[in-house]
Protein backbone atom coordinates (compact mmCIF):
# COMPACT_ATOMS: atom_id res chain seq x y z
CA MET A 1 -160.69 -24.64 -137.40
CA ASP A 2 -159.90 -21.37 -139.03
CA ALA A 3 -156.91 -19.06 -138.24
CA ALA A 4 -158.89 -16.90 -135.85
CA GLN A 5 -160.10 -19.95 -133.79
CA GLN A 6 -156.58 -21.38 -133.77
CA GLU A 7 -155.21 -18.03 -132.46
CA ALA A 8 -157.84 -17.84 -129.77
CA THR A 9 -157.06 -21.40 -128.68
CA ALA A 10 -153.39 -20.67 -128.50
CA ARG A 11 -154.14 -17.52 -126.48
CA ALA A 12 -156.40 -19.50 -124.05
CA ARG A 13 -153.70 -22.25 -123.59
CA GLU A 14 -151.02 -19.59 -122.94
CA LEU A 15 -153.33 -17.98 -120.26
CA GLN A 16 -153.83 -21.43 -118.81
CA ARG A 17 -150.10 -21.92 -118.74
CA ASN A 18 -149.72 -18.68 -116.83
CA TRP A 19 -152.68 -19.35 -114.42
CA TYR A 20 -152.35 -23.03 -113.76
CA GLY A 21 -148.75 -23.83 -114.63
CA GLU A 22 -149.64 -25.75 -117.86
CA PRO A 23 -152.55 -25.94 -120.30
CA LEU A 24 -155.56 -27.53 -118.68
CA GLY A 25 -155.64 -30.22 -121.35
CA ALA A 26 -152.30 -31.56 -120.33
CA LEU A 27 -153.13 -31.10 -116.62
CA PHE A 28 -156.40 -32.98 -116.89
CA ARG A 29 -155.00 -35.72 -119.11
CA LYS A 30 -152.31 -36.35 -116.36
CA LEU A 31 -155.08 -36.61 -113.70
CA ILE A 32 -157.00 -38.89 -115.97
CA ASP A 33 -153.99 -41.20 -116.48
CA ASP A 34 -152.62 -41.04 -112.95
CA LEU A 35 -155.95 -41.62 -111.23
CA GLY A 36 -157.43 -44.05 -113.81
CA LEU A 37 -160.40 -41.86 -114.68
CA ASN A 38 -162.34 -41.06 -117.83
CA GLN A 39 -163.38 -37.53 -118.76
CA ALA A 40 -166.88 -38.02 -117.48
CA ARG A 41 -165.72 -39.18 -114.03
CA LEU A 42 -163.13 -36.37 -113.82
CA ALA A 43 -165.81 -33.78 -114.74
CA ALA A 44 -168.07 -35.28 -112.02
CA VAL A 45 -165.39 -35.14 -109.33
CA LEU A 46 -164.52 -31.59 -110.25
CA GLY A 47 -168.10 -30.44 -110.38
CA LEU A 48 -167.99 -29.42 -114.00
CA SER A 49 -170.25 -30.47 -116.87
CA ALA A 50 -168.61 -32.81 -119.41
CA PRO A 51 -168.95 -30.12 -122.11
CA MET A 52 -167.19 -27.51 -119.84
CA LEU A 53 -164.34 -29.91 -119.12
CA SER A 54 -163.97 -30.54 -122.85
CA GLN A 55 -163.92 -26.78 -123.60
CA LEU A 56 -161.27 -26.26 -120.95
CA MET A 57 -159.17 -29.09 -122.21
CA SER A 58 -159.42 -28.01 -125.86
CA GLY A 59 -158.61 -24.40 -125.11
CA GLN A 60 -162.11 -23.11 -126.14
CA ARG A 61 -162.31 -21.70 -122.60
CA ALA A 62 -159.28 -20.37 -120.75
CA LYS A 63 -160.35 -20.06 -117.11
CA ILE A 64 -162.03 -22.14 -114.47
CA GLY A 65 -164.48 -19.64 -113.06
CA ASN A 66 -165.30 -21.44 -109.79
CA PRO A 67 -162.74 -21.24 -107.07
CA ALA A 68 -164.08 -24.47 -105.57
CA VAL A 69 -163.33 -26.34 -108.84
CA VAL A 70 -159.79 -24.90 -108.78
CA GLN A 71 -159.33 -26.23 -105.21
CA ARG A 72 -160.64 -29.65 -106.34
CA VAL A 73 -158.09 -29.68 -109.14
CA GLN A 74 -155.34 -28.94 -106.71
CA LEU A 75 -156.64 -31.70 -104.27
CA LEU A 76 -156.58 -34.13 -107.23
CA GLN A 77 -153.10 -33.20 -108.18
CA GLU A 78 -151.98 -33.89 -104.62
CA LEU A 79 -153.85 -37.25 -104.57
CA ALA A 80 -152.26 -38.23 -107.93
CA ALA A 81 -148.81 -37.53 -106.49
CA GLN A 82 -149.62 -39.67 -103.39
CA VAL A 83 -150.92 -42.53 -105.64
CA ALA A 84 -147.69 -42.20 -107.67
CA ASP A 85 -145.43 -42.41 -104.59
CA GLY A 86 -147.43 -45.29 -103.17
CA SER A 87 -148.57 -43.56 -99.99
CA VAL A 88 -152.23 -43.95 -101.17
CA SER A 89 -153.71 -47.06 -102.68
CA ALA A 90 -156.09 -47.15 -105.56
CA ALA A 91 -158.96 -47.99 -103.30
CA GLU A 92 -158.09 -45.17 -100.98
CA ALA A 93 -157.83 -42.91 -103.93
CA THR A 94 -161.42 -43.69 -105.03
CA ASP A 95 -162.68 -42.87 -101.56
CA ARG A 96 -160.76 -39.64 -101.49
CA MET A 97 -162.03 -38.63 -104.90
CA ASP A 98 -165.61 -39.12 -103.50
CA GLU A 99 -164.65 -36.74 -100.62
CA ILE A 100 -163.13 -34.25 -103.04
CA LYS A 101 -166.29 -34.38 -105.12
CA LYS A 102 -168.40 -33.46 -102.09
CA SER A 103 -166.03 -30.64 -100.95
CA GLN A 104 -167.70 -27.22 -101.32
CA GLY A 105 -164.50 -25.24 -101.59
CA GLY A 106 -165.41 -21.84 -100.51
CA SER A 107 -163.30 -21.20 -97.41
CA VAL A 108 -159.82 -22.37 -98.14
CA LEU A 109 -159.03 -22.63 -94.44
CA SER A 110 -161.82 -25.04 -93.45
CA ASN A 111 -160.93 -28.04 -91.21
CA THR A 112 -162.10 -31.54 -91.65
CA THR A 113 -162.06 -34.27 -88.92
CA HIS A 114 -159.59 -36.53 -90.76
CA THR A 115 -156.93 -33.81 -91.18
CA THR A 116 -156.45 -33.07 -87.45
CA ASN A 117 -154.13 -34.59 -84.93
CA SER A 118 -155.26 -36.23 -81.67
CA SER A 119 -155.56 -32.86 -79.93
CA GLY A 120 -157.98 -31.62 -82.59
CA ALA A 121 -155.42 -29.21 -84.16
CA PRO A 122 -154.90 -29.18 -87.89
CA THR A 123 -151.97 -31.30 -89.14
CA VAL A 124 -148.93 -29.56 -90.56
CA LYS A 125 -149.67 -31.06 -93.92
CA ARG A 126 -153.25 -29.63 -93.89
CA VAL A 127 -152.01 -26.18 -92.90
CA VAL A 128 -149.41 -26.35 -95.68
CA ARG A 129 -152.13 -27.34 -98.14
CA GLU A 130 -154.41 -24.47 -97.08
CA ILE A 131 -151.55 -21.95 -97.55
CA GLN A 132 -150.75 -23.38 -100.88
CA SER A 133 -154.39 -23.42 -101.96
CA LEU A 134 -154.86 -19.84 -100.79
CA LEU A 135 -151.77 -18.64 -102.69
CA ARG A 136 -152.58 -20.60 -105.83
CA SER A 137 -156.24 -19.35 -105.83
CA VAL A 138 -154.89 -15.83 -106.42
CA ALA A 139 -151.81 -16.52 -108.74
CA ALA A 140 -150.28 -19.18 -110.84
CA ALA A 141 -147.05 -20.85 -109.77
CA GLY A 142 -145.05 -18.92 -112.43
CA ASP A 143 -146.45 -15.61 -111.13
CA ILE A 144 -145.57 -16.60 -107.51
CA ILE A 145 -142.00 -17.48 -108.48
CA GLU A 146 -141.72 -14.21 -110.34
CA ALA A 147 -142.99 -12.25 -107.30
CA ALA A 148 -140.52 -14.18 -105.12
CA GLU A 149 -137.69 -13.22 -107.35
CA THR A 150 -138.75 -9.61 -107.25
CA LEU A 151 -138.98 -9.70 -103.39
CA ALA A 152 -135.76 -11.65 -102.84
CA PRO A 153 -133.31 -8.67 -102.56
CA SER A 154 -135.31 -6.80 -100.02
CA HIS A 155 -137.37 -9.58 -98.31
CA PRO A 156 -135.49 -12.89 -98.64
CA GLU A 157 -137.63 -14.66 -96.05
CA LEU A 158 -140.87 -13.79 -97.77
CA ALA A 159 -139.34 -14.81 -101.14
CA GLU A 160 -138.38 -18.18 -99.78
CA PHE A 161 -141.88 -18.54 -98.22
CA LEU A 162 -143.49 -17.83 -101.63
CA ARG A 163 -141.18 -20.25 -103.47
CA VAL A 164 -141.61 -23.15 -101.03
CA TYR A 165 -145.32 -22.73 -100.16
CA GLY A 166 -146.71 -20.97 -103.21
CA ALA A 167 -145.00 -22.80 -106.04
CA GLY A 168 -143.45 -25.88 -104.34
CA ARG A 169 -144.70 -29.40 -103.72
CA THR A 170 -146.69 -30.09 -100.49
CA SER A 171 -144.18 -32.65 -99.32
CA ASP A 172 -141.33 -30.21 -99.81
CA ALA A 173 -143.20 -27.47 -97.88
CA VAL A 174 -143.91 -29.79 -95.02
CA ALA A 175 -140.22 -30.82 -94.81
CA HIS A 176 -139.25 -27.01 -94.98
CA TYR A 177 -141.66 -26.28 -92.09
CA GLN A 178 -140.40 -29.18 -90.02
CA SER A 179 -136.74 -28.28 -90.64
CA HIS A 180 -137.35 -24.81 -89.32
CA GLN A 181 -139.02 -26.08 -86.16
CA ASN A 182 -135.74 -27.63 -84.80
């Protein structure tokens, strides 16, 4: 790789860090390790070609162009966290990955039957995930935190919302919501 290619790769990885919180190579390797996948299976679940996944991982391409794929990445990250904390078994994770693969993305605020309570209303966790997905589809976590810091002096409630829902973990945002309901 010549100097120009190395510079372009470094620039792409920096953009990925800004957009996605870390270079996609590191993010995808974590998903592969945490969910017991290989690159081909990860590409299939995300709805990417294997060469496109490889280009994103290596920094030859900087951005995921399809918002539905970005949403699937976020869903896989949440699933990996659930597998890590033991709330989802390996078998359940496999089933969930098949569901994620079939998801069309598009409307971030779409309901699914298994994410509603007995009255048919979306669960708190689903609503929180939708808010997070919407915020993260327009800005990277670092940008959201920066916006929160800028807004904090004049709009502390909005700044807290952005920090918790835009850049925080789903479980922390659900706990935050529940603590403010009492």
